[in-house]
Protein backbone atom coordinates (compact mmCIF):
# COMPACT_ATOMS: atom_id res chain seq x y z
CA MET A 1 52.64 -117.69 -69.03
CA ARG A 2 52.11 -117.07 -72.70
CA ASN A 3 48.47 -117.56 -72.27
CA LYS A 4 48.43 -115.23 -69.32
CA LEU A 5 49.95 -112.47 -71.62
CA LEU A 6 47.51 -113.13 -74.16
CA PHE A 7 44.39 -112.96 -72.02
CA VAL A 8 45.85 -109.62 -70.29
CA GLY A 9 46.62 -108.07 -73.90
CA PHE A 10 42.98 -108.94 -75.17
CA ALA A 11 41.50 -107.45 -72.08
CA ALA A 12 43.77 -104.51 -72.22
CA LEU A 13 42.33 -103.97 -75.80
CA TYR A 14 38.76 -104.62 -75.06
CA ALA A 15 38.97 -101.98 -71.94
CA VAL A 16 40.55 -99.36 -74.37
CA LEU A 17 37.70 -100.00 -76.97
CA GLN A 18 34.94 -99.81 -74.31
CA LEU A 19 36.13 -96.24 -73.45
CA ILE A 20 35.54 -95.08 -76.79
CA PRO A 21 31.78 -94.91 -77.04
CA ALA A 22 31.74 -93.22 -73.47
CA SER A 23 33.78 -90.46 -74.84
CA VAL A 24 31.57 -89.97 -78.16
CA GLN A 25 28.14 -90.32 -76.31
CA ALA A 26 27.80 -86.53 -75.60
CA GLU A 27 28.35 -85.69 -79.30
CA GLU A 28 25.57 -87.88 -80.80
CA LYS A 29 23.66 -85.88 -83.43
CA GLY A 30 19.84 -86.20 -84.23
CA ILE A 31 18.52 -86.59 -87.64
CA LEU A 32 16.74 -83.16 -87.73
CA GLU A 33 19.57 -81.28 -86.42
CA LEU A 34 21.92 -82.84 -89.32
CA TYR A 35 19.26 -82.32 -92.04
CA THR A 36 18.89 -78.70 -91.13
CA LEU A 37 22.85 -78.53 -91.55
CA ALA A 38 22.94 -80.49 -94.53
CA LYS A 39 20.08 -78.26 -96.20
CA GLU A 40 22.09 -75.05 -95.40
CA LYS A 41 25.26 -76.44 -97.06
CA ASP A 42 24.22 -78.74 -99.92
CA PRO A 43 25.46 -77.48 -103.30
CA VAL A 44 22.62 -79.24 -105.03
CA VAL A 45 19.79 -77.57 -102.99
CA GLY A 46 21.71 -74.31 -103.39
CA ARG A 47 21.87 -74.52 -106.84
CA ALA A 48 18.24 -75.33 -107.27
CA GLU A 49 17.23 -72.43 -105.21
CA ALA A 50 19.29 -70.01 -107.05
CA ARG A 51 17.85 -71.36 -110.23
CA LEU A 52 14.39 -70.54 -108.97
CA GLU A 53 15.31 -67.06 -107.94
CA GLY A 54 16.72 -66.57 -111.53
CA SER A 55 13.42 -68.02 -113.02
CA LYS A 56 11.39 -65.69 -111.00
CA ALA A 57 13.37 -62.70 -112.59
CA ASP A 58 13.30 -64.14 -116.00
CA GLN A 59 9.37 -64.16 -115.50
CA GLU A 60 9.36 -60.32 -114.45
CA ILE A 61 11.60 -59.52 -117.45
CA ALA A 62 9.17 -61.36 -119.85
CA TRP A 63 6.15 -59.94 -118.60
CA SER A 64 7.56 -56.47 -118.42
CA ALA A 65 8.10 -56.43 -122.31
CA LEU A 66 4.11 -56.37 -122.59
CA LEU A 67 3.85 -53.42 -120.12
CA PRO A 68 4.11 -49.67 -121.06
CA ARG A 69 7.59 -48.24 -121.50
CA ILE A 70 7.85 -44.54 -120.24
CA ASN A 71 10.94 -42.60 -120.86
CA ALA A 72 11.76 -38.95 -119.82
CA ASN A 73 14.58 -36.98 -121.67
CA ALA A 74 16.05 -33.59 -121.35
CA SER A 75 18.95 -31.74 -122.90
CA GLN A 76 20.55 -28.15 -123.05
CA ARG A 77 22.67 -26.80 -125.87
CA HIS A 78 24.31 -23.95 -127.48
CA LEU A 79 24.38 -23.57 -131.20
CA TRP A 80 26.68 -21.37 -133.62
CA HIS A 81 25.34 -21.19 -137.11
CA ARG A 82 25.90 -19.82 -140.53
CA VAL A 83 23.23 -19.59 -143.30
CA GLU A 84 24.31 -19.40 -146.75
CA ASN A 85 22.63 -18.72 -150.17
CA TYR A 86 19.52 -17.61 -148.27
CA GLY A 87 19.63 -14.11 -149.03
CA PRO A 88 22.21 -11.84 -150.44
CA ASP A 89 24.21 -11.75 -147.17
CA LEU A 90 25.63 -14.54 -145.07
CA ILE A 91 23.59 -14.79 -141.81
CA ASP A 92 25.94 -15.82 -138.76
CA GLY A 93 24.44 -16.28 -135.30
CA SER A 94 24.23 -18.36 -132.04
CA TYR A 95 21.56 -19.21 -129.77
CA ALA A 96 21.15 -21.40 -126.51
CA GLY A 97 18.45 -23.82 -126.68
CA PHE A 98 16.97 -26.81 -124.71
CA SER A 99 14.46 -29.44 -125.05
CA TYR A 100 12.63 -31.96 -122.69
CA GLY A 101 9.75 -34.33 -122.89
CA VAL A 102 8.30 -37.60 -121.90
CA SER A 103 7.37 -40.71 -124.16
CA GLY A 104 5.69 -44.00 -123.79
CA GLN A 105 5.16 -47.09 -125.99
CA LEU A 106 2.83 -49.73 -125.47
CA PRO A 107 2.91 -52.95 -127.60
CA VAL A 108 -0.63 -53.86 -128.64
CA PHE A 109 0.08 -56.95 -130.73
CA ASN A 110 3.27 -58.85 -130.32
CA VAL A 111 2.71 -62.57 -130.32
CA PRO A 112 6.35 -63.50 -129.80
CA LEU A 113 6.38 -61.48 -126.50
CA HIS A 114 3.20 -63.22 -125.12
CA LEU A 115 4.59 -66.43 -125.98
CA GLN A 116 7.98 -65.65 -124.17
CA ALA A 117 5.75 -64.59 -120.99
CA SER A 118 4.19 -67.95 -121.11
CA ALA A 119 7.56 -69.66 -121.73
CA SER A 120 8.98 -68.01 -118.48
CA GLY A 121 5.96 -69.07 -116.39
CA ALA A 122 6.75 -72.87 -117.39
CA GLY A 123 10.48 -72.13 -116.77
CA LEU A 124 9.50 -71.03 -113.03
CA LYS A 125 7.38 -74.13 -112.49
CA SER A 126 10.12 -76.18 -113.70
CA ALA A 127 12.61 -74.42 -111.45
CA GLU A 128 10.23 -74.97 -108.36
CA ALA A 129 9.89 -78.62 -109.22
CA GLY A 130 13.71 -78.81 -109.45
CA THR A 131 13.88 -77.45 -105.96
CA ASP A 132 11.58 -80.20 -104.71
CA VAL A 133 13.74 -82.89 -106.54
CA ALA A 134 16.92 -81.59 -104.69
CA CYS A 135 15.15 -81.49 -101.20
CA GLN A 136 13.76 -85.00 -101.50
CA ASP A 137 17.26 -86.50 -102.97
CA LEU A 138 18.86 -84.66 -99.85
CA ILE A 139 16.42 -86.29 -97.52
CA VAL A 140 17.02 -89.93 -98.89
CA ARG A 141 20.93 -89.20 -99.09
CA LEU A 142 21.02 -88.08 -95.63
CA VAL A 143 18.86 -90.88 -93.97
CA ASN A 144 20.99 -93.40 -96.08
CA ALA A 145 23.99 -91.98 -94.40
CA TYR A 146 22.43 -91.86 -91.06
CA VAL A 147 20.90 -95.53 -91.29
CA ALA A 148 24.79 -96.62 -92.35
CA LEU A 149 25.90 -95.14 -89.22
CA LEU A 150 23.34 -96.45 -87.09
CA LYS A 151 24.18 -99.94 -88.48
CA ALA A 152 27.88 -99.41 -88.12
CA GLN A 153 27.17 -98.44 -84.30
CA THR A 154 25.05 -101.47 -83.84
CA ASP A 155 27.69 -103.67 -85.28
CA GLU A 156 30.32 -102.15 -83.24
CA ARG A 157 28.35 -102.86 -80.02
CA LEU A 158 27.92 -106.53 -81.12
CA TYR A 159 31.82 -107.18 -81.51
CA ARG A 160 32.63 -105.25 -78.38
CA ASP A 161 29.99 -107.37 -76.45
CA GLU A 162 31.39 -110.35 -78.20
CA LEU A 163 34.82 -109.67 -77.12
CA ALA A 164 33.79 -109.45 -73.60
CA ARG A 165 31.84 -112.76 -73.79
CA VAL A 166 34.96 -114.49 -75.30
CA ALA A 167 37.32 -112.80 -72.89
CA GLU A 168 35.18 -114.37 -70.01
CA ILE A 169 34.86 -117.89 -71.81
CA LEU A 170 38.82 -117.70 -72.36
CA LYS A 171 39.56 -116.96 -68.81
CA GLN A 172 37.00 -119.84 -67.47
CA ALA A 173 38.76 -122.41 -70.10
CA GLU A 174 42.15 -121.65 -68.94
CA ALA A 175 40.93 -121.98 -65.26
CA PHE A 176 39.28 -125.33 -66.03
CA LEU A 177 42.63 -126.59 -67.84
CA LYS A 178 44.78 -125.58 -65.06
CA ALA A 179 42.53 -127.44 -62.59
CA GLY A 180 42.65 -130.51 -64.80
CA THR A 181 38.95 -130.43 -65.61
CA GLY A 182 39.20 -128.74 -69.02
CA ASP A 183 40.82 -129.42 -72.22
CA ILE A 184 43.27 -127.39 -74.49
CA ILE A 185 41.04 -127.58 -77.35
CA ALA A 186 38.44 -125.11 -75.57
CA VAL A 187 41.48 -122.58 -75.00
CA TYR A 188 42.34 -122.67 -78.48
CA GLU A 189 38.90 -122.27 -79.78
CA ALA A 190 38.18 -119.33 -77.35
CA ARG A 191 41.43 -117.73 -78.67
CA ALA A 192 40.53 -118.11 -82.23
CA ARG A 193 36.96 -116.74 -81.35
CA MET A 194 38.62 -113.53 -79.74
CA ASP A 195 40.79 -113.06 -82.67
CA SER A 196 37.84 -113.34 -84.94
CA ALA A 197 35.97 -110.85 -83.09
CA ALA A 198 38.86 -108.35 -82.91
CA ALA A 199 39.09 -108.55 -86.50
CA ASP A 200 35.51 -108.06 -87.05
CA LEU A 201 35.73 -105.16 -84.82
CA ILE A 202 38.31 -103.44 -86.70
CA LYS A 203 36.51 -103.95 -89.79
CA THR A 204 33.15 -102.60 -88.30
CA GLU A 205 35.27 -99.55 -87.14
CA ALA A 206 36.41 -98.92 -90.62
CA GLN A 207 32.85 -98.88 -91.91
CA ARG A 208 31.69 -96.60 -89.14
CA LYS A 209 34.35 -94.11 -90.22
CA ILE A 210 33.21 -94.21 -93.72
CA ALA A 211 29.60 -93.74 -92.55
CA GLU A 212 30.92 -90.82 -90.24
CA GLN A 213 32.56 -89.17 -93.20
CA GLU A 214 29.47 -89.42 -95.26
CA LEU A 215 27.59 -87.90 -92.58
CA SER A 216 30.20 -85.13 -92.17
CA SER A 217 30.47 -84.15 -95.64
CA LEU A 218 26.60 -83.72 -96.18
CA THR A 219 26.45 -81.50 -93.02
CA GLY A 220 29.62 -79.77 -92.86
CA ILE A 221 30.37 -80.61 -89.30
CA THR A 222 32.28 -83.47 -87.72
CA VAL A 223 29.94 -86.30 -86.96
CA SER A 224 31.18 -89.15 -84.68
CA ALA A 225 27.87 -90.61 -83.47
CA VAL A 226 24.29 -90.28 -84.11
CA LYS A 227 21.17 -90.93 -81.84
CA ASP A 228 19.30 -94.23 -82.27
CA LEU A 229 15.76 -94.19 -83.54
CA PRO A 230 12.81 -95.22 -81.38
CA VAL A 231 11.54 -98.80 -81.68
CA ILE A 232 10.52 -99.21 -85.37
CA VAL A 233 7.36 -101.12 -86.21
CA PRO A 234 7.99 -102.65 -89.70
CA GLN A 235 5.19 -101.64 -92.02
CA GLY A 236 4.90 -102.42 -95.88
CA PRO A 237 3.35 -99.99 -98.62
CA SER A 238 0.43 -98.37 -97.58
CA PRO A 239 -1.65 -98.69 -99.66
CA ASP A 240 -0.18 -102.13 -100.67
CA ASP A 241 -1.14 -101.36 -104.27
CA LEU A 242 1.39 -100.60 -106.96
CA SER A 243 -0.64 -99.14 -109.61
CA TRP A 244 -1.91 -96.60 -106.93
CA TRP A 245 1.85 -95.50 -106.39
CA ILE A 246 2.27 -95.53 -110.07
CA THR A 247 -0.58 -92.78 -110.36
CA THR A 248 0.60 -90.97 -107.60
CA MET A 249 4.14 -90.75 -109.05
CA GLN A 250 2.71 -89.66 -112.47
CA LYS A 251 0.81 -86.67 -110.71
CA ASN A 252 3.40 -85.72 -107.92
CA ASN A 253 6.86 -86.73 -108.89
CA PRO A 254 8.69 -83.29 -109.24
CA ALA A 255 11.46 -84.68 -111.75
CA ILE A 256 8.38 -85.64 -114.18
CA LYS A 257 6.87 -82.28 -113.46
CA GLN A 258 10.16 -80.49 -114.02
CA ALA A 259 10.51 -82.60 -117.25
CA GLN A 260 6.93 -81.78 -118.36
CA GLU A 261 7.63 -78.01 -117.60
CA ASP A 262 10.78 -78.03 -119.59
CA LEU A 263 8.81 -79.52 -122.46
CA THR A 264 6.04 -76.86 -122.31
CA GLN A 265 8.74 -74.04 -122.20
CA ALA A 266 10.56 -75.28 -125.25
CA GLY A 267 6.98 -75.32 -127.10
CA TYR A 268 6.23 -71.92 -126.16
CA THR A 269 9.82 -70.87 -127.39
CA SER A 270 9.39 -72.85 -130.44
CA SER A 271 5.74 -71.07 -131.01
CA ALA A 272 7.53 -67.77 -130.16
CA ASN A 273 10.36 -68.15 -132.97
CA ARG A 274 7.50 -69.17 -135.49
CA ALA A 275 5.68 -66.00 -134.64
CA ALA A 276 8.66 -63.87 -135.62
CA HIS A 277 7.35 -63.78 -139.21
CA LEU A 278 3.96 -62.07 -137.96
CA PRO A 279 3.51 -58.24 -137.81
CA THR A 280 3.84 -56.53 -134.64
CA ILE A 281 1.72 -53.28 -133.57
CA GLN A 282 2.92 -50.51 -131.09
CA LEU A 283 1.18 -47.44 -129.60
CA SER A 284 3.41 -44.57 -128.84
CA GLY A 285 2.79 -41.10 -127.39
CA GLY A 286 4.33 -38.18 -125.38
CA TYR A 287 4.76 -34.64 -124.59
CA THR A 288 7.87 -32.54 -125.84
CA VAL A 289 9.08 -29.03 -125.17
CA ASP A 290 11.81 -27.72 -127.70
CA LYS A 291 13.15 -24.09 -127.64
CA GLY A 292 15.57 -22.57 -130.24
CA SER A 293 15.91 -22.76 -133.98
CA THR A 294 18.22 -21.08 -136.54
CA PHE A 295 15.73 -18.43 -137.56
CA LEU A 296 13.52 -18.30 -134.61
CA PRO A 297 15.97 -18.82 -131.73
CA GLU A 298 13.47 -17.59 -129.06
CA VAL A 299 10.88 -19.72 -130.04
CA GLU A 300 9.51 -22.55 -127.66
CA THR A 301 7.41 -25.22 -129.08
CA LYS A 302 5.40 -27.47 -126.87
CA GLN A 303 3.41 -30.48 -128.28
CA TRP A 304 1.79 -33.59 -127.42
CA TYR A 305 1.47 -36.45 -129.81
CA ILE A 306 0.11 -40.02 -129.84
CA GLY A 307 0.61 -42.51 -132.77
CA ALA A 308 0.85 -46.13 -133.86
CA SER A 309 3.37 -48.20 -135.66
CA VAL A 310 3.08 -51.41 -137.70
CA SER A 311 6.32 -53.52 -138.16
CA LEU A 312 6.40 -56.39 -140.53
CA PRO A 313 9.70 -58.59 -140.96
CA ILE A 314 10.19 -59.31 -144.73
CA TYR A 315 13.80 -60.78 -144.64
CA SER A 316 16.36 -61.34 -141.80
CA GLY A 317 19.14 -63.19 -143.59
CA GLY A 318 17.50 -66.83 -142.68
CA GLU A 319 17.87 -65.75 -138.93
CA THR A 320 14.20 -66.39 -138.06
CA VAL A 321 13.85 -69.87 -139.95
CA ALA A 322 17.23 -70.91 -138.12
CA ARG A 323 16.00 -70.00 -134.66
CA THR A 324 12.70 -71.78 -135.48
CA ARG A 325 14.52 -74.76 -136.49
CA ARG A 326 16.76 -74.69 -133.38
CA ALA A 327 13.77 -74.41 -131.18
CA VAL A 328 12.06 -77.25 -132.82
CA ALA A 329 14.98 -79.56 -132.16
CA ALA A 330 15.08 -78.45 -128.44
CA GLU A 331 11.51 -79.16 -128.15
CA SER A 332 11.91 -82.68 -129.58
CA GLU A 333 14.91 -83.22 -127.25
CA ARG A 334 12.92 -82.09 -124.18
CA ARG A 335 10.08 -84.59 -125.22
CA TYR A 336 12.53 -87.40 -125.23
CA MET A 337 14.06 -86.26 -121.98
CA LEU A 338 10.50 -86.43 -120.37
CA ILE A 339 10.03 -90.11 -121.69
CA ASP A 340 13.15 -90.94 -120.15
CA VAL A 341 12.39 -89.41 -116.70
CA GLN A 342 9.26 -91.24 -116.71
CA ASP A 343 10.77 -94.56 -117.61
CA LYS A 344 13.44 -94.06 -115.02
CA ASN A 345 11.41 -92.95 -112.22
CA ALA A 346 8.64 -95.69 -112.80
CA LYS A 347 11.61 -98.33 -112.71
CA GLN A 348 12.90 -96.75 -109.34
CA LEU A 349 9.35 -96.70 -108.06
CA LYS A 350 8.68 -100.50 -108.81
CA GLU A 351 12.04 -101.23 -107.21
CA ALA A 352 11.35 -99.20 -104.17
CA PHE A 353 7.80 -100.79 -103.79
CA LEU A 354 9.35 -104.26 -104.25
CA ASN A 355 12.07 -103.64 -101.75
CA LEU A 356 9.83 -102.49 -99.14
CA GLN A 357 7.64 -105.45 -99.46
CA TYR A 358 10.61 -107.97 -99.35
CA ASN A 359 11.94 -105.79 -96.20
CA VAL A 360 8.71 -106.49 -94.34
CA SER A 361 9.06 -110.16 -94.99
CA LEU A 362 12.63 -110.06 -94.03
CA ALA A 363 11.92 -108.16 -90.79
CA ALA A 364 9.38 -110.78 -89.94
CA ALA A 365 11.64 -113.61 -90.75
CA TYR A 366 14.52 -111.93 -88.73
CA GLN A 367 11.89 -111.68 -85.87
CA ARG A 368 11.34 -115.30 -85.84
CA LYS A 369 14.87 -116.10 -86.01
CA TYR A 370 15.68 -113.59 -83.11
CA ASP A 371 12.88 -115.22 -80.85
CA SER A 372 14.10 -118.67 -81.57
CA THR A 373 17.89 -117.82 -80.79
CA GLU A 374 16.66 -116.00 -77.82
CA LEU A 375 14.91 -119.30 -76.51
CA GLN A 376 17.98 -121.42 -77.53
CA LEU A 377 20.27 -119.14 -75.39
CA LYS A 378 18.13 -119.39 -72.42
CA ALA A 379 18.08 -123.18 -72.88
CA THR A 380 21.84 -123.21 -73.29
CA ARG A 381 22.49 -121.09 -70.23
CA LYS A 382 20.36 -123.56 -68.23
CA GLY A 383 22.26 -126.56 -69.61
CA ARG A 384 25.58 -124.87 -68.71
CA GLU A 385 24.40 -124.12 -65.19
CA ILE A 386 23.38 -128.02 -64.79
CA GLY A 387 26.53 -129.24 -66.84
CA THR A 388 24.91 -130.41 -70.03
CA ARG A 389 26.38 -127.65 -72.23
CA THR A 390 30.09 -126.44 -72.45
CA ALA A 391 31.38 -122.99 -72.53
CA ILE A 392 31.69 -123.12 -76.19
CA ASP A 393 28.22 -124.11 -76.49
CA LEU A 394 27.07 -121.08 -74.63
CA LEU A 395 29.52 -118.87 -76.68
CA ASN A 396 27.98 -120.19 -79.86
CA ALA A 397 24.56 -119.65 -78.44
CA GLU A 398 25.17 -116.22 -77.55
CA GLN A 399 26.91 -115.27 -80.80
CA THR A 400 23.94 -116.67 -82.56
CA TRP A 401 21.64 -114.70 -80.57
CA ALA A 402 23.73 -111.40 -81.05
CA VAL A 403 23.91 -111.72 -84.78
CA SER A 404 20.32 -112.15 -85.14
CA ARG A 405 19.66 -109.17 -83.02
CA ARG A 406 21.89 -107.32 -85.30
CA ASP A 407 20.25 -108.58 -88.55
CA LEU A 408 16.92 -107.56 -87.08
CA SER A 409 18.04 -104.12 -86.12
CA HIS A 410 19.33 -103.71 -89.69
CA ALA A 411 16.08 -104.73 -91.23
CA LEU A 412 14.24 -102.46 -89.12
CA TYR A 413 16.31 -99.39 -89.98
CA ASP A 414 16.15 -100.33 -93.63
CA ASN A 415 12.30 -100.48 -93.28
CA LEU A 416 12.34 -96.84 -92.44
CA LEU A 417 14.66 -95.99 -95.36
CA ARG A 418 12.68 -98.17 -97.83
CA HIS A 419 9.61 -96.10 -96.81
CA LEU A 420 11.25 -92.90 -97.53
CA GLN A 421 12.79 -94.10 -100.78
CA LEU A 422 9.08 -95.20 -101.89
CA ARG A 423 7.70 -91.91 -100.83
CA ALA A 424 10.57 -90.25 -102.66
CA ALA A 425 9.88 -92.11 -106.06
CA ALA A 426 6.15 -91.15 -105.55
CA GLY A 427 7.03 -87.56 -105.25
CA VAL A 428 5.13 -87.05 -101.95
CA LEU A 429 8.34 -87.13 -99.76
CA ARG A 430 8.26 -84.13 -97.28
CA GLU A 431 10.50 -82.72 -94.41
CA SER A 432 7.69 -83.76 -91.97
CA ASP A 433 8.40 -87.32 -92.80
CA LEU A 434 11.83 -86.87 -90.83
CA GLN A 435 9.94 -85.62 -88.01
CA ALA A 436 7.74 -88.68 -88.28
CA ALA A 437 10.70 -90.75 -88.21
CA VAL A 438 11.81 -89.29 -84.97
CA ASN A 439 8.56 -89.15 -83.23
CA PHE A 440 7.07 -92.41 -84.48
CA SER A 441 9.53 -94.22 -86.74
CA LYS A 442 7.01 -94.47 -89.54
CA PRO A 443 6.47 -92.28 -92.58
CA ALA A 444 3.52 -89.59 -92.25
CA ALA A 445 0.10 -90.38 -93.86
CA ASN A 446 -0.21 -89.70 -97.37
């Protein structure tokens, strides 16, 4: 009676678990759909795009300082005056006056302004590279979470199938025991396998929930299941030449570009602060109309004027020297940051390259293991039919085959992820690579 209750309990558990995938099947999300949502929500990408807009405005501000400045002015006034000691009598009076005019200034020689304009250009390029860094990082994070959920879904199917197989084996073992042709050991072993499979399923469900939460956090929507990818053909680095990838990284990696432009910007800023000691020359001109004065209140004066001014800073209380010293220190800091970024990205690239090579070898080994276990399973099934293999032998063969299939699936998913990681480390990862993953399950050509 106890055995029957156990079997009924496990069967009910399996039936309930089988209903879950069917309920979420209609909610499966594709990787392109999730990336679009993640890009709209991701704060890192949003911050990088905001910085880019700010850098564009900074460049316009810097260049505007080199362009002519034109101003218009006008005023209306009423004055009361008293003139003393000009003659024998006091002169009291009042009059209404006005003035208006247009003036303009044009910097002719101002080295700091030109250097600041160049610095703003480097800042804009740095912001553009920063946006590329954020987008590439988002792609890798999204695919990593997507693959993690795919793996969890694969593991969940594995243990659900194992529960079904073990439930059938347990049923047969109990039937054989009741008929007197079986043994209690087979029943105990089947129950133990069922307990183990149920525990593994619970663990896998927890892992799936964690992966779902990661994707939901990235995209801002509830993600309970994702679409599987097409059949993935494992491929190694193309070209399979580490030096080529390192050269590509040095030319294209946006994080390195960003650090280089930051250093360039710091260099221009440092030079601009040094140039603050130089003289500046400015042209000015304009047209003014002025009516009214103390002695000639009705006189209206109209005049054009043009001129030039030279300014030479002599002493600013040490401000220029201090600013220059600070700018030089900032430039040195940016130089060390560039070296650090280059070293870190070179290390990441080498790791990504070796991980992809290792993954291809691992996938090939898992493929051979899968083929072997499939042959073993066929042989065990045949032996079971003719009585040379027990139900436990068949259960072991089926479990080994299922595990090898899972390991192969994981390796193939990892192959896609490793490709994207390598391309990101080299700085050539694009959104089109996601489209290629959906269509062909392999990265786009370089």
